[in-house]
Amino acid sequence: MIVHYGAIRTFIIELQLWKRCIQKRNTTSFPCLDELVNENYSDSLKTEIEDHLQGLENEFHRYFPNISNRNFEFNLARNPFSSQVDNVPEALREEFLELRFNSVA
């Protein structure tokens, strides 16, 4: 899952962005829809699109539970040297610093 973590997080954030755009009646992220409606569409269609995007986000959270809570773990595994010491569990901080700044390692 670490390999796909970035793509999964990106898609969830894109879904949230798209929902905010639809709430503002901005359809530029959806070229075909934008061409058809050009900001002139009913409240019921707007609600249907918002519900659909929310449903997709809910399904992703169901398939990948706690993905937001595991951000630190995945970042540490992918690139431990970019992590901040304050984000490392207290019991591991000294060892983390030794590994991070040991030029022999």
PDB file of N, CA and C in Angstrom:
ATOM      1  N   MET A   1       0.814  -1.188   0.000  1.00  0.00           N
ATOM      2  CA  MET A   1       0.000   0.000   0.000  1.00  0.00           C
ATOM      3  C   MET A   1       0.861   1.257   0.000  1.00  0.00           C
ATOM      4  N   ILE A   2       2.060   1.182   0.545  1.00  0.00           N
ATOM      5  CA  ILE A   2       2.940   2.347   0.585  1.00  0.00           C
ATOM      6  C   ILE A   2       3.202   2.868  -0.820  1.00  0.00           C
ATOM      7  N   VAL A   3       3.334   1.965  -1.777  1.00  0.00           N
ATOM      8  CA  VAL A   3       3.612   2.351  -3.157  1.00  0.00           C
ATOM      9  C   VAL A   3       2.493   3.223  -3.714  1.00  0.00           C
ATOM     10  N   HIS A   4       1.261   2.941  -3.336  1.00  0.00           N
ATOM     11  CA  HIS A   4       0.105   3.648  -3.885  1.00  0.00           C
ATOM     12  C   HIS A   4      -0.432   4.738  -2.966  1.00  0.00           C
ATOM     13  N   TYR A   5       0.197   4.928  -1.822  1.00  0.00           N
ATOM     14  CA  TYR A   5      -0.298   5.895  -0.836  1.00  0.00           C
ATOM     15  C   TYR A   5      -0.479   7.286  -1.440  1.00  0.00           C
ATOM     16  N   GLY A   6       0.507   7.772  -2.171  1.00  0.00           N
ATOM     17  CA  GLY A   6       0.446   9.110  -2.752  1.00  0.00           C
ATOM     18  C   GLY A   6      -0.728   9.259  -3.704  1.00  0.00           C
ATOM     19  N   ALA A   7      -0.953   8.265  -4.534  1.00  0.00           N
ATOM     20  CA  ALA A   7      -2.058   8.328  -5.497  1.00  0.00           C
ATOM     21  C   ALA A   7      -3.409   8.302  -4.781  1.00  0.00           C
ATOM     22  N   ILE A   8      -3.519   7.493  -3.739  1.00  0.00           N
ATOM     23  CA  ILE A   8      -4.780   7.403  -2.995  1.00  0.00           C
ATOM     24  C   ILE A   8      -5.074   8.723  -2.290  1.00  0.00           C
ATOM     25  N   ARG A   9      -4.088   9.277  -1.588  1.00  0.00           N
ATOM     26  CA  ARG A   9      -4.273  10.552  -0.888  1.00  0.00           C
ATOM     27  C   ARG A   9      -4.592  11.667  -1.881  1.00  0.00           C
ATOM     28  N   THR A  10      -3.885  11.676  -3.009  1.00  0.00           N
ATOM     29  CA  THR A  10      -4.127  12.703  -4.027  1.00  0.00           C
ATOM     30  C   THR A  10      -5.563  12.628  -4.525  1.00  0.00           C
ATOM     31  N   PHE A  11      -6.049  11.418  -4.806  1.00  0.00           N
ATOM     32  CA  PHE A  11      -7.405  11.286  -5.329  1.00  0.00           C
ATOM     33  C   PHE A  11      -8.437  11.732  -4.300  1.00  0.00           C
ATOM     34  N   ILE A  12      -8.251  11.386  -3.036  1.00  0.00           N
ATOM     35  CA  ILE A  12      -9.188  11.811  -1.994  1.00  0.00           C
ATOM     36  C   ILE A  12      -9.207  13.334  -1.893  1.00  0.00           C
ATOM     37  N   ILE A  13      -8.047  13.958  -1.953  1.00  0.00           N
ATOM     38  CA  ILE A  13      -7.977  15.419  -1.892  1.00  0.00           C
ATOM     39  C   ILE A  13      -8.609  16.041  -3.138  1.00  0.00           C
ATOM     40  N   GLU A  14      -8.413  15.413  -4.296  1.00  0.00           N
ATOM     41  CA  GLU A  14      -9.060  15.908  -5.520  1.00  0.00           C
ATOM     42  C   GLU A  14     -10.582  15.826  -5.405  1.00  0.00           C
ATOM     43  N   LEU A  15     -11.097  14.741  -4.841  1.00  0.00           N
ATOM     44  CA  LEU A  15     -12.542  14.626  -4.646  1.00  0.00           C
ATOM     45  C   LEU A  15     -13.063  15.772  -3.787  1.00  0.00           C
ATOM     46  N   GLN A  16     -12.329  16.095  -2.729  1.00  0.00           N
ATOM     47  CA  GLN A  16     -12.727  17.198  -1.854  1.00  0.00           C
ATOM     48  C   GLN A  16     -12.671  18.528  -2.601  1.00  0.00           C
ATOM     49  N   LEU A  17     -11.655  18.713  -3.425  1.00  0.00           N
ATOM     50  CA  LEU A  17     -11.544  19.925  -4.242  1.00  0.00           C
ATOM     51  C   LEU A  17     -12.709  20.026  -5.220  1.00  0.00           C
ATOM     52  N   TRP A  18     -13.017  18.928  -5.885  1.00  0.00           N
ATOM     53  CA  TRP A  18     -14.111  18.924  -6.855  1.00  0.00           C
ATOM     54  C   TRP A  18     -15.445  19.257  -6.176  1.00  0.00           C
ATOM     55  N   LYS A  19     -15.653  18.715  -4.975  1.00  0.00           N
ATOM     56  CA  LYS A  19     -16.894  19.029  -4.247  1.00  0.00           C
ATOM     57  C   LYS A  19     -16.989  20.527  -3.964  1.00  0.00           C
ATOM     58  N   ARG A  20     -15.888  21.130  -3.527  1.00  0.00           N
ATOM     59  CA  ARG A  20     -15.901  22.572  -3.260  1.00  0.00           C
ATOM     60  C   ARG A  20     -16.174  23.358  -4.541  1.00  0.00           C
ATOM     61  N   CYS A  21     -15.608  22.917  -5.648  1.00  0.00           N
ATOM     62  CA  CYS A  21     -15.853  23.592  -6.931  1.00  0.00           C
ATOM     63  C   CYS A  21     -17.322  23.501  -7.313  1.00  0.00           C
ATOM     64  N   ILE A  22     -17.908  22.321  -7.197  1.00  0.00           N
ATOM     65  CA  ILE A  22     -19.319  22.141  -7.548  1.00  0.00           C
ATOM     66  C   ILE A  22     -20.199  22.991  -6.632  1.00  0.00           C
ATOM     67  N   GLN A  23     -19.851  23.081  -5.356  1.00  0.00           N
ATOM     68  CA  GLN A  23     -20.634  23.907  -4.426  1.00  0.00           C
ATOM     69  C   GLN A  23     -20.653  25.368  -4.874  1.00  0.00           C
ATOM     70  N   LYS A  24     -19.580  25.794  -5.535  1.00  0.00           N
ATOM     71  CA  LYS A  24     -19.494  27.171  -6.052  1.00  0.00           C
ATOM     72  C   LYS A  24     -19.980  27.262  -7.502  1.00  0.00           C
ATOM     73  N   ARG A  25     -20.525  26.159  -8.000  1.00  0.00           N
ATOM     74  CA  ARG A  25     -20.999  26.065  -9.389  1.00  0.00           C
ATOM     75  C   ARG A  25     -19.868  26.263 -10.412  1.00  0.00           C
ATOM     76  N   ASN A  26     -18.699  25.830 -10.036  1.00  0.00           N
ATOM     77  CA  ASN A  26     -17.536  25.880 -10.923  1.00  0.00           C
ATOM     78  C   ASN A  26     -17.328  24.478 -11.485  1.00  0.00           C
ATOM     79  N   THR A  27     -17.534  24.310 -12.785  1.00  0.00           N
ATOM     80  CA  THR A  27     -17.434  22.988 -13.414  1.00  0.00           C
ATOM     81  C   THR A  27     -16.205  22.843 -14.311  1.00  0.00           C
ATOM     82  N   THR A  28     -15.228  23.725 -14.171  1.00  0.00           N
ATOM     83  CA  THR A  28     -14.059  23.665 -15.057  1.00  0.00           C
ATOM     84  C   THR A  28     -13.253  22.375 -14.909  1.00  0.00           C
ATOM     85  N   SER A  29     -13.356  21.698 -13.767  1.00  0.00           N
ATOM     86  CA  SER A  29     -12.661  20.420 -13.590  1.00  0.00           C
ATOM     87  C   SER A  29     -13.324  19.294 -14.366  1.00  0.00           C
ATOM     88  N   PHE A  30     -14.520  19.559 -14.866  1.00  0.00           N
ATOM     89  CA  PHE A  30     -15.289  18.576 -15.620  1.00  0.00           C
ATOM     90  C   PHE A  30     -15.608  19.160 -16.995  1.00  0.00           C
ATOM     91  N   PRO A  31     -14.693  19.076 -17.948  1.00  0.00           N
ATOM     92  CA  PRO A  31     -14.855  19.756 -19.237  1.00  0.00           C
ATOM     93  C   PRO A  31     -16.150  19.432 -19.979  1.00  0.00           C
ATOM     94  N   CYS A  32     -16.551  18.177 -19.984  1.00  0.00           N
ATOM     95  CA  CYS A  32     -17.786  17.815 -20.704  1.00  0.00           C
ATOM     96  C   CYS A  32     -19.004  18.450 -20.034  1.00  0.00           C
ATOM     97  N   LEU A  33     -19.067  18.371 -18.721  1.00  0.00           N
ATOM     98  CA  LEU A  33     -20.161  18.995 -17.983  1.00  0.00           C
ATOM     99  C   LEU A  33     -20.119  20.508 -18.154  1.00  0.00           C
ATOM    100  N   ASP A  34     -18.933  21.071 -18.093  1.00  0.00           N
ATOM    101  CA  ASP A  34     -18.772  22.519 -18.229  1.00  0.00           C
ATOM    102  C   ASP A  34     -19.294  22.998 -19.582  1.00  0.00           C
ATOM    103  N   GLU A  35     -18.990  22.233 -20.616  1.00  0.00           N
ATOM    104  CA  GLU A  35     -19.444  22.589 -21.963  1.00  0.00           C
ATOM    105  C   GLU A  35     -20.968  22.533 -22.072  1.00  0.00           C
ATOM    106  N   LEU A  36     -21.576  21.570 -21.378  1.00  0.00           N
ATOM    107  CA  LEU A  36     -23.034  21.408 -21.448  1.00  0.00           C
ATOM    108  C   LEU A  36     -23.800  22.432 -20.613  1.00  0.00           C
ATOM    109  N   VAL A  37     -23.332  22.686 -19.402  1.00  0.00           N
ATOM    110  CA  VAL A  37     -24.151  23.491 -18.490  1.00  0.00           C
ATOM    111  C   VAL A  37     -23.687  24.925 -18.330  1.00  0.00           C
ATOM    112  N   ASN A  38     -22.392  25.159 -18.406  1.00  0.00           N
ATOM    113  CA  ASN A  38     -21.853  26.512 -18.325  1.00  0.00           C
ATOM    114  C   ASN A  38     -22.418  27.303 -17.134  1.00  0.00           C
ATOM    115  N   GLU A  39     -22.361  26.705 -15.940  1.00  0.00           N
ATOM    116  CA  GLU A  39     -22.806  27.297 -14.669  1.00  0.00           C
ATOM    117  C   GLU A  39     -24.316  27.451 -14.551  1.00  0.00           C
ATOM    118  N   ASN A  40     -25.074  27.071 -15.537  1.00  0.00           N
ATOM    119  CA  ASN A  40     -26.532  27.191 -15.487  1.00  0.00           C
ATOM    120  C   ASN A  40     -27.143  25.807 -15.345  1.00  0.00           C
ATOM    121  N   TYR A  41     -27.143  25.277 -14.141  1.00  0.00           N
ATOM    122  CA  TYR A  41     -27.776  23.986 -13.921  1.00  0.00           C
ATOM    123  C   TYR A  41     -28.560  24.032 -12.619  1.00  0.00           C
ATOM    124  N   SER A  42     -29.475  23.104 -12.497  1.00  0.00           N
ATOM    125  CA  SER A  42     -30.426  23.117 -11.385  1.00  0.00           C
ATOM    126  C   SER A  42     -29.751  22.749 -10.061  1.00  0.00           C
ATOM    127  N   ASP A  43     -30.409  23.149  -9.000  1.00  0.00           N
ATOM    128  CA  ASP A  43     -29.924  22.792  -7.668  1.00  0.00           C
ATOM    129  C   ASP A  43     -29.942  21.285  -7.464  1.00  0.00           C
ATOM    130  N   SER A  44     -30.914  20.616  -8.066  1.00  0.00           N
ATOM    131  CA  SER A  44     -30.993  19.161  -7.901  1.00  0.00           C
ATOM    132  C   SER A  44     -29.804  18.466  -8.576  1.00  0.00           C
ATOM    133  N   LEU A  45     -29.367  18.954  -9.742  1.00  0.00           N
ATOM    134  CA  LEU A  45     -28.191  18.381 -10.399  1.00  0.00           C
ATOM    135  C   LEU A  45     -26.944  18.669  -9.566  1.00  0.00           C
ATOM    136  N   LYS A  46     -26.845  19.868  -9.047  1.00  0.00           N
ATOM    137  CA  LYS A  46     -25.712  20.234  -8.186  1.00  0.00           C
ATOM    138  C   LYS A  46     -25.656  19.300  -6.976  1.00  0.00           C
ATOM    139  N   THR A  47     -26.782  19.063  -6.338  1.00  0.00           N
ATOM    140  CA  THR A  47     -26.853  18.175  -5.174  1.00  0.00           C
ATOM    141  C   THR A  47     -26.497  16.745  -5.562  1.00  0.00           C
ATOM    142  N   GLU A  48     -26.971  16.304  -6.719  1.00  0.00           N
ATOM    143  CA  GLU A  48     -26.672  14.941  -7.181  1.00  0.00           C
ATOM    144  C   GLU A  48     -25.171  14.756  -7.411  1.00  0.00           C
ATOM    145  N   ILE A  49     -24.524  15.740  -7.994  1.00  0.00           N
ATOM    146  CA  ILE A  49     -23.076  15.662  -8.230  1.00  0.00           C
ATOM    147  C   ILE A  49     -22.332  15.669  -6.900  1.00  0.00           C
ATOM    148  N   GLU A  50     -22.718  16.554  -5.990  1.00  0.00           N
ATOM    149  CA  GLU A  50     -22.076  16.611  -4.670  1.00  0.00           C
ATOM    150  C   GLU A  50     -22.223  15.277  -3.932  1.00  0.00           C
ATOM    151  N   ASP A  51     -23.422  14.704  -3.983  1.00  0.00           N
ATOM    152  CA  ASP A  51     -23.666  13.415  -3.326  1.00  0.00           C
ATOM    153  C   ASP A  51     -22.818  12.311  -3.940  1.00  0.00           C
ATOM    154  N   HIS A  52     -22.692  12.336  -5.259  1.00  0.00           N
ATOM    155  CA  HIS A  52     -21.880  11.319  -5.945  1.00  0.00           C
ATOM    156  C   HIS A  52     -20.406  11.434  -5.524  1.00  0.00           C
ATOM    157  N   LEU A  53     -19.880  12.649  -5.516  1.00  0.00           N
ATOM    158  CA  LEU A  53     -18.481  12.849  -5.121  1.00  0.00           C
ATOM    159  C   LEU A  53     -18.276  12.455  -3.658  1.00  0.00           C
ATOM    160  N   GLN A  54     -19.241  12.781  -2.799  1.00  0.00           N
ATOM    161  CA  GLN A  54     -19.143  12.382  -1.389  1.00  0.00           C
ATOM    162  C   GLN A  54     -19.169  10.864  -1.259  1.00  0.00           C
ATOM    163  N   GLY A  55     -20.007  10.213  -2.053  1.00  0.00           N
ATOM    164  CA  GLY A  55     -20.068   8.754  -2.047  1.00  0.00           C
ATOM    165  C   GLY A  55     -18.741   8.127  -2.457  1.00  0.00           C
ATOM    166  N   LEU A  56     -18.112   8.699  -3.477  1.00  0.00           N
ATOM    167  CA  LEU A  56     -16.796   8.191  -3.901  1.00  0.00           C
ATOM    168  C   LEU A  56     -15.771   8.350  -2.782  1.00  0.00           C
ATOM    169  N   GLU A  57     -15.786   9.513  -2.135  1.00  0.00           N
ATOM    170  CA  GLU A  57     -14.846   9.731  -1.031  1.00  0.00           C
ATOM    171  C   GLU A  57     -15.110   8.740   0.113  1.00  0.00           C
ATOM    172  N   ASN A  58     -16.370   8.538   0.434  1.00  0.00           N
ATOM    173  CA  ASN A  58     -16.717   7.577   1.496  1.00  0.00           C
ATOM    174  C   ASN A  58     -16.227   6.174   1.159  1.00  0.00           C
ATOM    175  N   GLU A  59     -16.384   5.762  -0.106  1.00  0.00           N
ATOM    176  CA  GLU A  59     -15.926   4.431  -0.517  1.00  0.00           C
ATOM    177  C   GLU A  59     -14.407   4.309  -0.406  1.00  0.00           C
ATOM    178  N   PHE A  60     -13.688   5.353  -0.780  1.00  0.00           N
ATOM    179  CA  PHE A  60     -12.237   5.299  -0.656  1.00  0.00           C
ATOM    180  C   PHE A  60     -11.824   5.181   0.813  1.00  0.00           C
ATOM    181  N   HIS A  61     -12.513   5.906   1.682  1.00  0.00           N
ATOM    182  CA  HIS A  61     -12.210   5.795   3.114  1.00  0.00           C
ATOM    183  C   HIS A  61     -12.591   4.412   3.650  1.00  0.00           C
ATOM    184  N   ARG A  62     -13.606   3.797   3.070  1.00  0.00           N
ATOM    185  CA  ARG A  62     -13.993   2.444   3.493  1.00  0.00           C
ATOM    186  C   ARG A  62     -12.936   1.423   3.042  1.00  0.00           C
ATOM    187  N   TYR A  63     -12.465   1.561   1.816  1.00  0.00           N
ATOM    188  CA  TYR A  63     -11.445   0.644   1.305  1.00  0.00           C
ATOM    189  C   TYR A  63     -10.078   0.878   1.953  1.00  0.00           C
ATOM    190  N   PHE A  64      -9.792   2.119   2.289  1.00  0.00           N
ATOM    191  CA  PHE A  64      -8.494   2.478   2.865  1.00  0.00           C
ATOM    192  C   PHE A  64      -8.716   3.210   4.190  1.00  0.00           C
ATOM    193  N   PRO A  65      -9.165   2.480   5.220  1.00  0.00           N
ATOM    194  CA  PRO A  65      -9.462   3.144   6.494  1.00  0.00           C
ATOM    195  C   PRO A  65      -8.191   3.722   7.123  1.00  0.00           C
ATOM    196  N   ASN A  66      -8.351   4.822   7.792  1.00  0.00           N
ATOM    197  CA  ASN A  66      -7.266   5.485   8.532  1.00  0.00           C
ATOM    198  C   ASN A  66      -6.110   5.927   7.658  1.00  0.00           C
ATOM    199  N   ILE A  67      -6.319   6.106   6.369  1.00  0.00           N
ATOM    200  CA  ILE A  67      -5.208   6.504   5.502  1.00  0.00           C
ATOM    201  C   ILE A  67      -4.682   7.882   5.884  1.00  0.00           C
ATOM    202  N   SER A  68      -5.549   8.776   6.304  1.00  0.00           N
ATOM    203  CA  SER A  68      -5.108  10.115   6.717  1.00  0.00           C
ATOM    204  C   SER A  68      -4.298  10.047   7.994  1.00  0.00           C
ATOM    205  N   ASN A  69      -4.671   9.147   8.881  1.00  0.00           N
ATOM    206  CA  ASN A  69      -3.970   9.018  10.158  1.00  0.00           C
ATOM    207  C   ASN A  69      -2.595   8.376  10.004  1.00  0.00           C
ATOM    208  N   ARG A  70      -2.350   7.729   8.884  1.00  0.00           N
ATOM    209  CA  ARG A  70      -1.086   7.012   8.683  1.00  0.00           C
ATOM    210  C   ARG A  70      -0.097   7.804   7.837  1.00  0.00           C
ATOM    211  N   ASN A  71      -0.370   9.071   7.610  1.00  0.00           N
ATOM    212  CA  ASN A  71       0.482   9.925   6.791  1.00  0.00           C
ATOM    213  C   ASN A  71       1.930   9.878   7.264  1.00  0.00           C
ATOM    214  N   PHE A  72       2.155  10.034   8.553  1.00  0.00           N
ATOM    215  CA  PHE A  72       3.518  10.033   9.078  1.00  0.00           C
ATOM    216  C   PHE A  72       4.209   8.701   8.799  1.00  0.00           C
ATOM    217  N   GLU A  73       3.514   7.593   9.049  1.00  0.00           N
ATOM    218  CA  GLU A  73       4.122   6.277   8.850  1.00  0.00           C
ATOM    219  C   GLU A  73       4.579   6.086   7.409  1.00  0.00           C
ATOM    220  N   PHE A  74       3.725   6.459   6.473  1.00  0.00           N
ATOM    221  CA  PHE A  74       4.065   6.273   5.071  1.00  0.00           C
ATOM    222  C   PHE A  74       5.200   7.205   4.650  1.00  0.00           C
ATOM    223  N   ASN A  75       5.171   8.437   5.111  1.00  0.00           N
ATOM    224  CA  ASN A  75       6.257   9.364   4.777  1.00  0.00           C
ATOM    225  C   ASN A  75       7.578   8.893   5.364  1.00  0.00           C
ATOM    226  N   LEU A  76       7.534   8.388   6.577  1.00  0.00           N
ATOM    227  CA  LEU A  76       8.751   7.882   7.213  1.00  0.00           C
ATOM    228  C   LEU A  76       9.302   6.687   6.443  1.00  0.00           C
ATOM    229  N   ALA A  77       8.430   5.807   5.978  1.00  0.00           N
ATOM    230  CA  ALA A  77       8.877   4.636   5.227  1.00  0.00           C
ATOM    231  C   ALA A  77       9.400   5.024   3.847  1.00  0.00           C
ATOM    232  N   ARG A  78       8.744   5.992   3.184  1.00  0.00           N
ATOM    233  CA  ARG A  78       9.148   6.382   1.833  1.00  0.00           C
ATOM    234  C   ARG A  78      10.413   7.219   1.823  1.00  0.00           C
ATOM    235  N   ASN A  79      10.536   8.148   2.759  1.00  0.00           N
ATOM    236  CA  ASN A  79      11.698   9.017   2.802  1.00  0.00           C
ATOM    237  C   ASN A  79      11.947   9.457   4.244  1.00  0.00           C
ATOM    238  N   PRO A  80      12.639   8.618   5.012  1.00  0.00           N
ATOM    239  CA  PRO A  80      12.818   8.913   6.436  1.00  0.00           C
ATOM    240  C   PRO A  80      13.592  10.205   6.694  1.00  0.00           C
ATOM    241  N   PHE A  81      14.394  10.630   5.759  1.00  0.00           N
ATOM    242  CA  PHE A  81      15.230  11.803   6.002  1.00  0.00           C
ATOM    243  C   PHE A  81      14.499  13.118   5.780  1.00  0.00           C
ATOM    244  N   SER A  82      13.278  13.051   5.286  1.00  0.00           N
ATOM    245  CA  SER A  82      12.496  14.275   5.141  1.00  0.00           C
ATOM    246  C   SER A  82      11.551  14.480   6.327  1.00  0.00           C
ATOM    247  N   SER A  83      11.451  13.476   7.202  1.00  0.00           N
ATOM    248  CA  SER A  83      10.570  13.575   8.364  1.00  0.00           C
ATOM    249  C   SER A  83      11.171  14.493   9.420  1.00  0.00           C
ATOM    250  N   GLN A  84      10.292  15.137  10.168  1.00  0.00           N
ATOM    251  CA  GLN A  84      10.713  16.021  11.251  1.00  0.00           C
ATOM    252  C   GLN A  84      10.762  15.232  12.555  1.00  0.00           C
ATOM    253  N   VAL A  85      11.753  15.522  13.383  1.00  0.00           N
ATOM    254  CA  VAL A  85      11.932  14.793  14.630  1.00  0.00           C
ATOM    255  C   VAL A  85      10.709  14.907  15.538  1.00  0.00           C
ATOM    256  N   ASP A  86       9.997  16.013  15.501  1.00  0.00           N
ATOM    257  CA  ASP A  86       8.812  16.183  16.346  1.00  0.00           C
ATOM    258  C   ASP A  86       7.681  15.234  15.960  1.00  0.00           C
ATOM    259  N   ASN A  87       7.714  14.709  14.747  1.00  0.00           N
ATOM    260  CA  ASN A  87       6.686  13.778  14.286  1.00  0.00           C
ATOM    261  C   ASN A  87       7.002  12.330  14.620  1.00  0.00           C
ATOM    262  N   VAL A  88       8.220  12.071  15.049  1.00  0.00           N
ATOM    263  CA  VAL A  88       8.657  10.716  15.387  1.00  0.00           C
ATOM    264  C   VAL A  88       8.208  10.407  16.812  1.00  0.00           C
ATOM    265  N   PRO A  89       7.716   9.188  17.068  1.00  0.00           N
ATOM    266  CA  PRO A  89       7.347   8.837  18.448  1.00  0.00           C
ATOM    267  C   PRO A  89       8.519   9.094  19.400  1.00  0.00           C
ATOM    268  N   GLU A  90       8.196   9.585  20.571  1.00  0.00           N
ATOM    269  CA  GLU A  90       9.229  10.009  21.517  1.00  0.00           C
ATOM    270  C   GLU A  90      10.269   8.938  21.792  1.00  0.00           C
ATOM    271  N   ALA A  91       9.840   7.699  21.908  1.00  0.00           N
ATOM    272  CA  ALA A  91      10.765   6.609  22.228  1.00  0.00           C
ATOM    273  C   ALA A  91      11.795   6.381  21.127  1.00  0.00           C
ATOM    274  N   LEU A  92      11.531   6.864  19.915  1.00  0.00           N
ATOM    275  CA  LEU A  92      12.434   6.620  18.786  1.00  0.00           C
ATOM    276  C   LEU A  92      13.216   7.854  18.351  1.00  0.00           C
ATOM    277  N   ARG A  93      13.018   8.989  18.987  1.00  0.00           N
ATOM    278  CA  ARG A  93      13.610  10.248  18.510  1.00  0.00           C
ATOM    279  C   ARG A  93      15.130  10.238  18.494  1.00  0.00           C
ATOM    280  N   GLU A  94      15.757   9.766  19.546  1.00  0.00           N
ATOM    281  CA  GLU A  94      17.227   9.778  19.582  1.00  0.00           C
ATOM    282  C   GLU A  94      17.800   8.882  18.491  1.00  0.00           C
ATOM    283  N   GLU A  95      17.235   7.692  18.343  1.00  0.00           N
ATOM    284  CA  GLU A  95      17.704   6.778  17.300  1.00  0.00           C
ATOM    285  C   GLU A  95      17.458   7.371  15.913  1.00  0.00           C
ATOM    286  N   PHE A  96      16.308   8.011  15.738  1.00  0.00           N
ATOM    287  CA  PHE A  96      15.991   8.664  14.470  1.00  0.00           C
ATOM    288  C   PHE A  96      17.036   9.728  14.132  1.00  0.00           C
ATOM    289  N   LEU A  97      17.382  10.568  15.111  1.00  0.00           N
ATOM    290  CA  LEU A  97      18.374  11.623  14.871  1.00  0.00           C
ATOM    291  C   LEU A  97      19.736  11.037  14.529  1.00  0.00           C
ATOM    292  N   GLU A  98      20.117   9.968  15.222  1.00  0.00           N
ATOM    293  CA  GLU A  98      21.402   9.331  14.925  1.00  0.00           C
ATOM    294  C   GLU A  98      21.424   8.800  13.495  1.00  0.00           C
ATOM    295  N   LEU A  99      20.334   8.172  13.076  1.00  0.00           N
ATOM    296  CA  LEU A  99      20.260   7.659  11.703  1.00  0.00           C
ATOM    297  C   LEU A  99      20.221   8.785  10.685  1.00  0.00           C
ATOM    298  N   ARG A 100      19.471   9.815  10.998  1.00  0.00           N
ATOM    299  CA  ARG A 100      19.294  10.911  10.041  1.00  0.00           C
ATOM    300  C   ARG A 100      20.577  11.665   9.779  1.00  0.00           C
ATOM    301  N   PHE A 101      21.368  11.875  10.814  1.00  0.00           N
ATOM    302  CA  PHE A 101      22.549  12.715  10.647  1.00  0.00           C
ATOM    303  C   PHE A 101      23.873  11.947  10.679  1.00  0.00           C
ATOM    304  N   ASN A 102      23.810  10.626  10.658  1.00  0.00           N
ATOM    305  CA  ASN A 102      25.030   9.821  10.657  1.00  0.00           C
ATOM    306  C   ASN A 102      25.506   9.673   9.212  1.00  0.00           C
ATOM    307  N   SER A 103      26.599  10.293   8.903  1.00  0.00           N
ATOM    308  CA  SER A 103      27.102  10.259   7.533  1.00  0.00           C
ATOM    309  C   SER A 103      27.685   8.906   7.147  1.00  0.00           C
ATOM    310  N   VAL A 104      27.926   8.026   8.135  1.00  0.00           N
ATOM    311  CA  VAL A 104      28.464   6.702   7.842  1.00  0.00           C
ATOM    312  C   VAL A 104      27.354   5.740   7.452  1.00  0.00           C
ATOM    313  N   ALA A 105      26.139   5.974   7.937  1.00  0.00           N
ATOM    314  CA  ALA A 105      25.021   5.043   7.731  1.00  0.00           C
ATOM    315  C   ALA A 105      24.625   4.901   6.300  1.00  0.00           C
TER     316      ALA A 105
END
